[in-house]
Protein backbone atom coordinates (compact mmCIF):
# COMPACT_ATOMS: atom_id res chain seq x y z
CA MET A 1 7.62 -8.85 3.87
CA ARG A 2 10.74 -10.40 2.45
CA THR A 3 14.50 -9.79 1.30
CA TYR A 4 14.85 -8.02 -1.86
CA ARG A 5 16.17 -10.90 -4.87
CA HIS A 6 18.51 -9.51 -7.81
CA PRO A 7 18.08 -9.14 -10.52
CA ASP A 8 14.55 -10.87 -10.47
CA ASP A 9 12.88 -7.72 -8.39
CA TYR A 10 14.63 -4.94 -9.74
CA ALA A 11 12.25 -3.84 -12.30
CA ALA A 12 9.11 -4.01 -9.96
CA VAL A 13 11.23 -1.85 -7.55
CA ARG A 14 12.67 0.47 -10.14
CA SER A 15 8.99 1.14 -11.17
CA LEU A 16 7.90 1.69 -7.46
CA TRP A 17 10.43 4.16 -7.11
CA GLU A 18 9.32 5.78 -10.00
CA SER A 19 5.74 6.27 -9.50
CA ILE A 20 6.82 7.75 -6.13
CA GLU A 21 4.89 11.42 -6.35
CA ARG A 22 8.09 13.41 -4.47
CA GLY A 23 10.58 11.98 -2.14
CA ILE A 24 12.37 9.60 -4.27
CA HIS A 25 15.31 10.97 -6.59
CA LEU A 26 17.27 8.08 -8.83
CA GLY A 27 19.94 8.83 -10.12
CA ARG A 28 23.53 6.57 -11.07
CA SER A 29 23.45 4.97 -7.60
CA ASP A 30 19.99 3.18 -8.98
CA THR A 31 20.67 1.48 -11.94
CA ALA A 32 20.48 -2.42 -11.90
CA ASP A 33 24.30 -2.70 -11.84
CA GLU A 34 24.86 -0.43 -8.96
CA ILE A 35 22.10 -1.96 -6.68
CA ALA A 36 23.73 -5.50 -7.70
CA LYS A 37 27.08 -4.25 -6.00
CA LYS A 38 24.66 -2.91 -2.76
CA VAL A 39 22.79 -6.25 -2.49
CA ALA A 40 26.32 -8.20 -2.48
CA ASP A 41 27.56 -6.25 0.33
CA HIS A 42 24.34 -6.44 2.40
CA PRO A 43 21.70 -8.66 0.82
CA ASP A 44 19.82 -8.47 4.53
CA LEU A 45 19.17 -4.95 4.06
CA PHE A 46 16.76 -4.53 1.33
CA VAL A 47 12.98 -5.17 2.17
CA VAL A 48 10.27 -5.50 -0.12
CA ALA A 49 6.72 -5.86 1.20
CA GLU A 50 4.18 -7.90 -1.47
CA ALA A 51 0.46 -8.24 -1.92
CA GLY A 52 -0.14 -11.47 -3.71
CA THR A 53 2.66 -11.39 -6.12
CA GLN A 54 2.66 -8.00 -6.43
CA LEU A 55 5.38 -5.86 -4.83
CA ILE A 56 3.75 -2.84 -3.40
CA GLY A 57 6.67 -1.56 -1.51
CA ALA A 58 10.38 -1.52 -0.48
CA ILE A 59 13.21 -0.02 1.24
CA MET A 60 16.92 -0.14 1.30
CA GLY A 61 19.42 0.36 4.09
CA GLY A 62 23.11 0.19 4.37
CA PHE A 63 25.98 -0.28 7.17
CA ASP A 64 29.53 1.03 7.18
CA GLY A 65 29.90 -1.23 10.58
CA ARG A 66 29.16 2.21 12.60
CA ARG A 67 26.37 3.72 10.89
CA GLY A 68 23.30 2.55 9.17
CA LEU A 69 21.59 5.29 6.48
CA LEU A 70 18.26 4.38 4.66
CA TYR A 71 17.39 4.71 1.09
CA HIS A 72 14.12 5.11 -0.92
CA LEU A 73 11.35 4.06 1.71
CA GLY A 74 7.92 3.94 -0.57
CA VAL A 75 4.70 2.18 -0.95
CA SER A 76 2.43 1.90 -3.69
CA GLU A 77 -0.33 4.51 -4.05
CA ALA A 78 -3.27 2.31 -3.54
CA HIS A 79 -1.94 0.58 -0.44
CA ARG A 80 -0.49 3.31 1.61
CA ARG A 81 -1.93 4.13 5.24
CA LYS A 82 -2.09 0.58 5.87
CA GLY A 83 0.97 0.60 7.62
CA ILE A 84 2.97 -1.00 5.19
CA GLY A 85 5.70 1.57 5.06
CA SER A 86 5.93 1.64 9.04
CA ALA A 87 6.06 -1.72 8.96
CA LEU A 88 8.99 -1.74 6.43
CA LEU A 89 10.89 0.94 8.52
CA ARG A 90 10.83 -1.00 11.39
CA GLU A 91 11.67 -4.29 9.74
CA ILE A 92 14.84 -2.40 8.12
CA GLU A 93 15.54 -1.04 11.44
CA ASN A 94 15.58 -4.34 13.51
CA ARG A 95 17.92 -6.14 10.61
CA LEU A 96 20.22 -3.07 11.60
CA ARG A 97 20.50 -3.48 15.12
CA ALA A 98 21.08 -6.95 14.64
CA ARG A 99 24.05 -6.30 12.69
CA GLY A 100 25.33 -3.91 16.01
CA CYS A 101 24.47 -0.72 14.25
CA LEU A 102 23.57 1.90 17.09
CA LYS A 103 22.97 5.05 15.12
CA CYS A 104 21.15 5.71 11.46
CA TYR A 105 20.68 8.00 9.37
CA LEU A 106 18.30 8.80 6.32
CA LEU A 107 17.61 11.95 4.32
CA VAL A 108 14.52 13.53 3.33
CA THR A 109 14.56 16.16 0.44
CA LYS A 110 13.30 19.89 2.15
CA ASP A 111 10.27 19.67 -0.36
CA ASN A 112 8.94 16.84 1.13
CA SER A 113 7.17 17.82 4.36
CA GLU A 114 4.95 15.19 4.42
CA GLY A 115 7.64 12.64 4.67
CA ILE A 116 9.31 14.78 7.07
CA GLU A 117 6.40 14.31 9.44
CA TYR A 118 6.24 10.76 8.38
CA TYR A 119 9.67 10.14 9.99
CA LEU A 120 9.18 12.25 12.93
CA LYS A 121 6.20 10.34 14.33
CA ARG A 122 8.15 7.38 13.99
CA GLY A 123 10.79 8.69 16.34
CA TRP A 124 13.42 10.16 14.29
CA SER A 125 15.11 13.56 14.26
CA PRO A 126 16.07 16.86 12.72
CA MET A 127 19.85 17.05 13.17
CA GLN A 128 20.09 20.53 13.13
CA GLU A 129 23.98 20.21 14.48
CA VAL A 130 25.31 19.22 10.97
CA ASP A 131 25.05 20.55 7.29
CA LEU A 132 25.24 17.89 4.45
CA LEU A 133 27.78 17.83 1.73
CA GLY A 134 27.84 15.90 -0.95
CA LYS A 135 30.19 15.31 -4.32
CA GLU A 136 29.99 13.25 -7.34
CA LEU A 137 32.87 10.92 -7.83
């Protein structure tokens, strides 16, 4: 595992994200220019996993000084069920803790029951007391 390097890793990460069957929905904020903004803000909160020279996993996090947020955890299909996703998740959680983050959120699409189960097994909990709202700016 290592910290993502922009722009060198962008094409491989984008390709990985696009290969994920469900759960990762790419949008305007996932372009190279937008990722550059994210990396400039918190470069240590974007971690990739490699096997040799091949990028096989990635997770991106953010921290606003109060709460953390995780985005786009993905592992290539050929390398799943080997603990790589869990290692990436632990690493980003540790990096957030090191920044003083006390609570973190992540979003899982409602059609991704496998993803929901994955996070539940790793100590994440549904937040029944809130509704998620969004707005395109």
